[in-house]
Amino acid sequence: MIVAGDPARPEHRAILKRWFVPATHADIDAAIAAFAPTLKRGLL
């Protein structure tokens, strides 16, 4: 929940990218920004 709550931190982005974004995704930043709030809400 901490990682999804602050996806802008480089350490957190690396974790989110590793587990949730395909390596071939065209825009990793947009993908993380789109699903991080949903992931956080689901974890609450």
C-alpha atoms as a PDB file:
ATOM      1  CA  MET A   1       0.000   0.000   0.000  1.00  0.00           C
ATOM      2  CA  ILE A   2       2.892   2.350   0.726  1.00  0.00           C
ATOM      3  CA  VAL A   3       4.393   1.712  -2.705  1.00  0.00           C
ATOM      4  CA  ALA A   4       1.086   2.272  -4.525  1.00  0.00           C
ATOM      5  CA  GLY A   5       0.419   5.376  -2.452  1.00  0.00           C
ATOM      6  CA  ASP A   6       3.586   7.107  -3.611  1.00  0.00           C
ATOM      7  CA  PRO A   7       4.377   5.837  -7.120  1.00  0.00           C
ATOM      8  CA  ALA A   8       6.538   8.884  -7.939  1.00  0.00           C
ATOM      9  CA  ARG A   9       9.446   7.717  -5.768  1.00  0.00           C
ATOM     10  CA  PRO A  10      12.075   5.932  -7.882  1.00  0.00           C
ATOM     11  CA  GLU A  11      12.228   2.936  -5.547  1.00  0.00           C
ATOM     12  CA  HIS A  12       8.463   2.514  -5.649  1.00  0.00           C
ATOM     13  CA  ARG A  13       8.312   2.972  -9.427  1.00  0.00           C
ATOM     14  CA  ALA A  14      10.870   0.216  -9.856  1.00  0.00           C
ATOM     15  CA  ILE A  15       8.757  -2.191  -7.784  1.00  0.00           C
ATOM     16  CA  LEU A  16       5.544  -1.306  -9.615  1.00  0.00           C
ATOM     17  CA  LYS A  17       7.276  -1.595 -12.967  1.00  0.00           C
ATOM     18  CA  ARG A  18       8.763  -4.965 -12.087  1.00  0.00           C
ATOM     19  CA  TRP A  19       5.520  -6.547 -10.937  1.00  0.00           C
ATOM     20  CA  PHE A  20       2.778  -4.829 -12.925  1.00  0.00           C
ATOM     21  CA  VAL A  21       4.049  -3.306 -16.202  1.00  0.00           C
ATOM     22  CA  PRO A  22       5.041  -5.458 -19.175  1.00  0.00           C
ATOM     23  CA  ALA A  23       8.588  -4.814 -20.366  1.00  0.00           C
ATOM     24  CA  THR A  24       7.302  -3.938 -23.823  1.00  0.00           C
ATOM     25  CA  HIS A  25       4.804  -1.321 -22.647  1.00  0.00           C
ATOM     26  CA  ALA A  26       5.127   1.912 -24.635  1.00  0.00           C
ATOM     27  CA  ASP A  27       4.577   4.379 -21.755  1.00  0.00           C
ATOM     28  CA  ILE A  28       5.586   2.978 -18.389  1.00  0.00           C
ATOM     29  CA  ASP A  29       4.993   6.259 -16.536  1.00  0.00           C
ATOM     30  CA  ALA A  30       1.418   6.515 -17.791  1.00  0.00           C
ATOM     31  CA  ALA A  31       0.733   2.883 -16.952  1.00  0.00           C
ATOM     32  CA  ILE A  32       1.941   3.318 -13.378  1.00  0.00           C
ATOM     33  CA  ALA A  33       0.001   6.564 -12.960  1.00  0.00           C
ATOM     34  CA  ALA A  34      -3.149   4.878 -14.240  1.00  0.00           C
ATOM     35  CA  PHE A  35      -3.190   1.778 -12.058  1.00  0.00           C
ATOM     36  CA  ALA A  36      -1.424   2.860  -8.845  1.00  0.00           C
ATOM     37  CA  PRO A  37      -4.533   4.595  -7.400  1.00  0.00           C
ATOM     38  CA  THR A  38      -6.681   1.556  -8.233  1.00  0.00           C
ATOM     39  CA  LEU A  39      -4.154  -0.759  -6.646  1.00  0.00           C
ATOM     40  CA  LYS A  40      -4.010   1.385  -3.508  1.00  0.00           C
ATOM     41  CA  ARG A  41      -7.806   1.506  -3.270  1.00  0.00           C
ATOM     42  CA  GLY A  42      -7.962  -2.276  -3.613  1.00  0.00           C
ATOM     43  CA  LEU A  43      -5.396  -2.767  -0.866  1.00  0.00           C
ATOM     44  CA  LEU A  44      -7.272  -0.558   1.551  1.00  0.00           C
END
